[in-house]
Amino acid sequence: MIPEYWKNFIAENEMIGRDFEISVGEDLSELGADLRIMNIEQCISEATECYPGIAAAKESYVPVAMCLSGSGDYYYIRSTEGESGSLYRIYHDAVNGECIEHDGIEKVLNSYASLL
């Protein structure tokens, strides 16, 4: 479920549990972000036990970070994009039935490697 390239990326760069801030100017959605990289167990839990994670997983989105500013939104990579793919924010209220509304997904970074 969690791509090996993501597991390697966060392990090699000692990112698990670390906080990152993305400025409004760096965030493609122009909101800015404060996030914490989750461990693998948290990623799996969000993807299999919670919404929007369950619906997002059906569309190849993998939860990788939680919001620290209190929004309840999570951050995702898309497994179909492969190594160094984009980082996305999926709004917690973007689920319509079992699907994610497309206006509830915003690209934050063109490459998650930009976190470094």
N, C-alpha and C. Protein backbone atom coordinates (compact mmCIF):
# COMPACT_ATOMS: atom_id res chain seq x y z
N MET A 1 0.82 -1.20 0.00
CA MET A 1 0.00 0.00 0.00
C MET A 1 0.87 1.28 0.00
N ILE A 2 1.88 1.32 0.84
CA ILE A 2 2.79 2.47 0.88
C ILE A 2 3.96 2.16 -0.04
N PRO A 3 4.19 2.99 -1.06
CA PRO A 3 5.27 2.69 -2.01
C PRO A 3 6.64 2.62 -1.35
N GLU A 4 7.45 1.69 -1.81
CA GLU A 4 8.81 1.52 -1.28
C GLU A 4 9.63 2.80 -1.43
N TYR A 5 9.44 3.52 -2.55
CA TYR A 5 10.22 4.74 -2.74
C TYR A 5 9.90 5.78 -1.67
N TRP A 6 8.65 5.83 -1.19
CA TRP A 6 8.30 6.75 -0.11
C TRP A 6 8.93 6.30 1.20
N LYS A 7 8.83 5.01 1.49
CA LYS A 7 9.44 4.48 2.71
C LYS A 7 10.93 4.78 2.74
N ASN A 8 11.60 4.57 1.61
CA ASN A 8 13.04 4.85 1.52
C ASN A 8 13.33 6.33 1.69
N PHE A 9 12.54 7.17 1.06
CA PHE A 9 12.73 8.62 1.12
C PHE A 9 12.65 9.13 2.56
N ILE A 10 11.61 8.72 3.29
CA ILE A 10 11.47 9.24 4.66
C ILE A 10 12.47 8.62 5.61
N ALA A 11 12.88 7.38 5.36
CA ALA A 11 13.88 6.75 6.22
C ALA A 11 15.27 7.35 5.99
N GLU A 12 15.66 7.47 4.72
CA GLU A 12 16.99 7.99 4.39
C GLU A 12 17.16 9.44 4.85
N ASN A 13 16.07 10.20 4.86
CA ASN A 13 16.15 11.61 5.24
C ASN A 13 15.66 11.87 6.67
N GLU A 14 15.44 10.78 7.43
CA GLU A 14 15.02 10.86 8.83
C GLU A 14 13.86 11.83 9.01
N MET A 15 12.79 11.61 8.26
CA MET A 15 11.66 12.54 8.23
C MET A 15 10.48 12.13 9.10
N ILE A 16 10.42 10.91 9.54
CA ILE A 16 9.26 10.44 10.30
C ILE A 16 9.09 11.27 11.56
N GLY A 17 7.91 11.85 11.73
CA GLY A 17 7.62 12.68 12.89
C GLY A 17 8.12 14.10 12.80
N ARG A 18 8.82 14.43 11.73
CA ARG A 18 9.34 15.80 11.58
C ARG A 18 8.27 16.72 11.03
N ASP A 19 8.34 17.97 11.44
CA ASP A 19 7.41 19.00 10.99
C ASP A 19 8.04 19.81 9.87
N PHE A 20 7.19 20.22 8.92
CA PHE A 20 7.63 21.03 7.80
C PHE A 20 6.64 22.16 7.59
N GLU A 21 7.17 23.31 7.20
CA GLU A 21 6.33 24.45 6.88
C GLU A 21 6.55 24.81 5.42
N ILE A 22 5.46 25.00 4.72
CA ILE A 22 5.51 25.41 3.32
C ILE A 22 4.87 26.79 3.26
N SER A 23 5.61 27.76 2.82
CA SER A 23 5.10 29.13 2.79
C SER A 23 4.00 29.29 1.74
N VAL A 24 3.23 30.34 1.87
CA VAL A 24 2.18 30.64 0.91
C VAL A 24 2.76 30.74 -0.49
N GLY A 25 3.94 31.33 -0.61
CA GLY A 25 4.58 31.50 -1.92
C GLY A 25 5.07 30.19 -2.52
N GLU A 26 5.44 29.23 -1.69
CA GLU A 26 5.91 27.93 -2.18
C GLU A 26 4.76 26.97 -2.47
N ASP A 27 3.65 27.14 -1.80
CA ASP A 27 2.49 26.25 -1.91
C ASP A 27 1.73 26.59 -3.19
N LEU A 28 1.62 25.63 -4.10
CA LEU A 28 0.93 25.86 -5.37
C LEU A 28 -0.54 26.22 -5.18
N SER A 29 -1.12 25.83 -4.05
CA SER A 29 -2.52 26.18 -3.77
C SER A 29 -2.63 27.55 -3.10
N GLU A 30 -1.50 28.15 -2.80
CA GLU A 30 -1.38 29.49 -2.22
C GLU A 30 -2.01 29.62 -0.83
N LEU A 31 -2.05 28.50 -0.09
CA LEU A 31 -2.57 28.53 1.27
C LEU A 31 -1.46 28.46 2.32
N GLY A 32 -0.34 27.87 1.95
CA GLY A 32 0.70 27.57 2.92
C GLY A 32 0.33 26.32 3.69
N ALA A 33 1.29 25.70 4.32
CA ALA A 33 1.01 24.44 5.01
C ALA A 33 2.00 24.23 6.16
N ASP A 34 1.49 23.68 7.23
CA ASP A 34 2.30 23.17 8.33
C ASP A 34 1.91 21.71 8.45
N LEU A 35 2.88 20.82 8.30
CA LEU A 35 2.56 19.40 8.29
C LEU A 35 3.60 18.58 9.01
N ARG A 36 3.19 17.38 9.41
CA ARG A 36 4.08 16.42 10.08
C ARG A 36 4.04 15.11 9.31
N ILE A 37 5.21 14.60 8.97
CA ILE A 37 5.32 13.33 8.26
C ILE A 37 4.93 12.20 9.20
N MET A 38 4.02 11.35 8.74
CA MET A 38 3.52 10.25 9.56
C MET A 38 4.40 9.02 9.40
N ASN A 39 4.38 8.15 10.41
CA ASN A 39 5.06 6.86 10.28
C ASN A 39 4.18 5.94 9.42
N ILE A 40 4.71 4.82 9.02
CA ILE A 40 4.01 3.92 8.09
C ILE A 40 2.70 3.42 8.69
N GLU A 41 2.68 3.11 9.96
CA GLU A 41 1.45 2.63 10.60
C GLU A 41 0.35 3.69 10.56
N GLN A 42 0.72 4.95 10.76
CA GLN A 42 -0.26 6.04 10.69
C GLN A 42 -0.78 6.20 9.26
N CYS A 43 0.10 6.07 8.29
CA CYS A 43 -0.31 6.17 6.88
C CYS A 43 -1.34 5.09 6.55
N ILE A 44 -1.05 3.87 6.97
CA ILE A 44 -1.95 2.75 6.68
C ILE A 44 -3.29 2.95 7.40
N SER A 45 -3.25 3.39 8.63
CA SER A 45 -4.48 3.63 9.39
C SER A 45 -5.34 4.68 8.70
N GLU A 46 -4.75 5.78 8.30
CA GLU A 46 -5.51 6.84 7.63
C GLU A 46 -6.12 6.35 6.32
N ALA A 47 -5.40 5.50 5.60
CA ALA A 47 -5.86 5.00 4.30
C ALA A 47 -6.91 3.90 4.41
N THR A 48 -6.99 3.24 5.56
CA THR A 48 -7.88 2.09 5.67
C THR A 48 -9.00 2.25 6.69
N GLU A 49 -8.88 3.25 7.58
CA GLU A 49 -9.87 3.38 8.65
C GLU A 49 -10.59 4.71 8.67
N CYS A 50 -10.17 5.68 7.87
CA CYS A 50 -10.71 7.04 7.96
C CYS A 50 -11.06 7.59 6.58
N TYR A 51 -11.96 8.57 6.59
CA TYR A 51 -12.24 9.33 5.37
C TYR A 51 -11.61 10.70 5.53
N PRO A 52 -11.03 11.26 4.50
CA PRO A 52 -11.11 10.85 3.10
C PRO A 52 -10.10 9.79 2.68
N GLY A 53 -9.27 9.31 3.61
CA GLY A 53 -8.21 8.37 3.25
C GLY A 53 -8.69 7.14 2.50
N ILE A 54 -9.81 6.56 2.92
CA ILE A 54 -10.33 5.36 2.26
C ILE A 54 -10.69 5.66 0.81
N ALA A 55 -11.42 6.77 0.60
CA ALA A 55 -11.81 7.14 -0.76
C ALA A 55 -10.59 7.56 -1.58
N ALA A 56 -9.66 8.25 -0.96
CA ALA A 56 -8.46 8.71 -1.68
C ALA A 56 -7.61 7.53 -2.13
N ALA A 57 -7.51 6.50 -1.30
CA ALA A 57 -6.72 5.32 -1.65
C ALA A 57 -7.25 4.64 -2.91
N LYS A 58 -8.56 4.70 -3.11
CA LYS A 58 -9.15 4.11 -4.32
C LYS A 58 -8.71 4.83 -5.58
N GLU A 59 -8.23 6.06 -5.43
CA GLU A 59 -7.75 6.85 -6.56
C GLU A 59 -6.23 6.98 -6.56
N SER A 60 -5.56 6.07 -5.86
CA SER A 60 -4.09 5.97 -5.82
C SER A 60 -3.41 7.04 -4.98
N TYR A 61 -4.14 7.75 -4.14
CA TYR A 61 -3.53 8.71 -3.23
C TYR A 61 -3.14 7.99 -1.94
N VAL A 62 -1.96 8.30 -1.45
CA VAL A 62 -1.41 7.67 -0.25
C VAL A 62 -1.20 8.75 0.81
N PRO A 63 -1.85 8.65 1.96
CA PRO A 63 -1.66 9.66 3.01
C PRO A 63 -0.25 9.56 3.58
N VAL A 64 0.41 10.73 3.70
CA VAL A 64 1.80 10.72 4.17
C VAL A 64 2.07 11.73 5.29
N ALA A 65 1.17 12.72 5.45
CA ALA A 65 1.42 13.76 6.46
C ALA A 65 0.11 14.31 6.98
N MET A 66 0.15 14.77 8.23
CA MET A 66 -1.04 15.38 8.84
C MET A 66 -0.83 16.88 8.98
N CYS A 67 -1.94 17.60 8.97
CA CYS A 67 -1.92 19.05 9.12
C CYS A 67 -1.68 19.41 10.58
N LEU A 68 -0.85 20.40 10.81
CA LEU A 68 -0.58 20.87 12.17
C LEU A 68 -1.30 22.17 12.51
N SER A 69 -2.03 22.72 11.54
CA SER A 69 -2.70 24.00 11.79
C SER A 69 -4.16 23.83 12.21
N GLY A 70 -4.59 22.58 12.41
CA GLY A 70 -5.92 22.34 12.94
C GLY A 70 -7.03 22.15 11.92
N SER A 71 -6.71 22.08 10.64
CA SER A 71 -7.74 21.94 9.62
C SER A 71 -8.33 20.53 9.55
N GLY A 72 -7.55 19.54 9.97
CA GLY A 72 -7.98 18.16 9.84
C GLY A 72 -7.69 17.57 8.47
N ASP A 73 -7.07 18.34 7.60
CA ASP A 73 -6.73 17.86 6.26
C ASP A 73 -5.43 17.08 6.31
N TYR A 74 -5.31 16.12 5.42
CA TYR A 74 -4.09 15.33 5.32
C TYR A 74 -3.41 15.61 4.00
N TYR A 75 -2.15 15.24 3.93
CA TYR A 75 -1.34 15.43 2.73
C TYR A 75 -1.02 14.07 2.14
N TYR A 76 -1.00 14.01 0.82
CA TYR A 76 -0.91 12.75 0.09
C TYR A 76 0.10 12.84 -1.03
N ILE A 77 0.64 11.68 -1.38
CA ILE A 77 1.35 11.51 -2.65
C ILE A 77 0.43 10.63 -3.50
N ARG A 78 0.71 10.55 -4.77
CA ARG A 78 -0.09 9.69 -5.65
C ARG A 78 0.82 8.60 -6.19
N SER A 79 0.52 7.37 -5.84
CA SER A 79 1.41 6.26 -6.18
C SER A 79 1.59 6.10 -7.68
N THR A 80 0.64 6.53 -8.48
CA THR A 80 0.77 6.42 -9.94
C THR A 80 1.80 7.40 -10.51
N GLU A 81 2.22 8.38 -9.73
CA GLU A 81 3.20 9.36 -10.20
C GLU A 81 4.64 8.89 -9.98
N GLY A 82 4.82 7.92 -9.11
CA GLY A 82 6.15 7.39 -8.87
C GLY A 82 7.03 8.29 -8.04
N GLU A 83 8.30 7.95 -8.02
CA GLU A 83 9.28 8.64 -7.20
C GLU A 83 9.34 10.13 -7.52
N SER A 84 9.38 10.95 -6.48
CA SER A 84 9.43 12.41 -6.57
C SER A 84 8.18 13.01 -7.18
N GLY A 85 7.04 12.33 -7.03
CA GLY A 85 5.76 12.87 -7.49
C GLY A 85 5.34 14.07 -6.66
N SER A 86 4.18 14.57 -6.94
CA SER A 86 3.65 15.75 -6.27
C SER A 86 3.17 15.45 -4.86
N LEU A 87 3.01 16.52 -4.09
CA LEU A 87 2.39 16.45 -2.77
C LEU A 87 1.05 17.17 -2.88
N TYR A 88 -0.01 16.52 -2.38
CA TYR A 88 -1.37 17.04 -2.48
C TYR A 88 -1.98 17.23 -1.10
N ARG A 89 -2.92 18.17 -1.02
CA ARG A 89 -3.77 18.32 0.15
C ARG A 89 -5.16 17.84 -0.28
N ILE A 90 -5.75 16.96 0.52
CA ILE A 90 -7.12 16.55 0.27
C ILE A 90 -7.94 16.99 1.48
N TYR A 91 -8.92 17.80 1.21
CA TYR A 91 -9.74 18.35 2.28
C TYR A 91 -10.57 17.25 2.94
N HIS A 92 -10.66 17.31 4.25
CA HIS A 92 -11.35 16.27 5.01
C HIS A 92 -12.83 16.18 4.67
N ASP A 93 -13.42 17.23 4.13
CA ASP A 93 -14.84 17.22 3.78
C ASP A 93 -15.07 17.06 2.28
N ALA A 94 -14.06 16.56 1.55
CA ALA A 94 -14.15 16.43 0.10
C ALA A 94 -14.75 15.12 -0.37
N VAL A 95 -15.23 14.30 0.56
CA VAL A 95 -15.78 13.00 0.18
C VAL A 95 -17.26 13.14 -0.15
N ASN A 96 -17.61 12.58 -1.30
CA ASN A 96 -19.00 12.54 -1.73
C ASN A 96 -19.34 11.07 -1.93
N GLY A 97 -19.98 10.48 -0.94
CA GLY A 97 -20.22 9.04 -0.99
C GLY A 97 -18.90 8.32 -0.78
N GLU A 98 -18.47 7.58 -1.76
CA GLU A 98 -17.20 6.85 -1.69
C GLU A 98 -16.14 7.49 -2.59
N CYS A 99 -16.42 8.68 -3.12
CA CYS A 99 -15.51 9.35 -4.06
C CYS A 99 -15.03 10.67 -3.48
N ILE A 100 -13.88 11.10 -3.97
CA ILE A 100 -13.32 12.40 -3.62
C ILE A 100 -13.77 13.40 -4.69
N GLU A 101 -14.33 14.50 -4.27
CA GLU A 101 -14.68 15.56 -5.22
C GLU A 101 -13.37 16.18 -5.72
N HIS A 102 -13.28 16.39 -7.02
CA HIS A 102 -12.01 16.85 -7.59
C HIS A 102 -11.62 18.25 -7.13
N ASP A 103 -12.58 19.08 -6.74
CA ASP A 103 -12.21 20.39 -6.22
C ASP A 103 -11.77 20.32 -4.76
N GLY A 104 -11.78 19.11 -4.20
CA GLY A 104 -11.30 18.90 -2.83
C GLY A 104 -9.86 18.43 -2.78
N ILE A 105 -9.20 18.39 -3.95
CA ILE A 105 -7.80 17.97 -4.04
C ILE A 105 -7.00 19.13 -4.60
N GLU A 106 -5.95 19.51 -3.89
CA GLU A 106 -5.10 20.60 -4.39
C GLU A 106 -3.64 20.17 -4.36
N LYS A 107 -2.95 20.51 -5.43
CA LYS A 107 -1.52 20.24 -5.49
C LYS A 107 -0.80 21.31 -4.66
N VAL A 108 0.06 20.85 -3.77
CA VAL A 108 0.81 21.75 -2.89
C VAL A 108 2.23 21.94 -3.41
N LEU A 109 2.88 20.85 -3.79
CA LEU A 109 4.24 20.89 -4.34
C LEU A 109 4.32 20.02 -5.59
N ASN A 110 5.07 20.45 -6.57
CA ASN A 110 5.25 19.62 -7.78
C ASN A 110 6.01 18.35 -7.47
N SER A 111 6.89 18.40 -6.47
CA SER A 111 7.66 17.23 -6.05
C SER A 111 7.75 17.20 -4.54
N TYR A 112 7.37 16.07 -3.94
CA TYR A 112 7.47 15.99 -2.49
C TYR A 112 8.90 16.14 -2.00
N ALA A 113 9.88 15.88 -2.87
CA ALA A 113 11.29 16.03 -2.50
C ALA A 113 11.62 17.49 -2.17
N SER A 114 10.77 18.42 -2.59
CA SER A 114 10.96 19.85 -2.27
C SER A 114 10.85 20.13 -0.78
N LEU A 115 10.30 19.18 -0.02
CA LEU A 115 10.24 19.36 1.42
C LEU A 115 11.63 19.51 2.02
N LEU A 116 12.60 18.87 1.39
CA LEU A 116 13.98 18.95 1.88
C LEU A 116 14.55 20.28 1.49
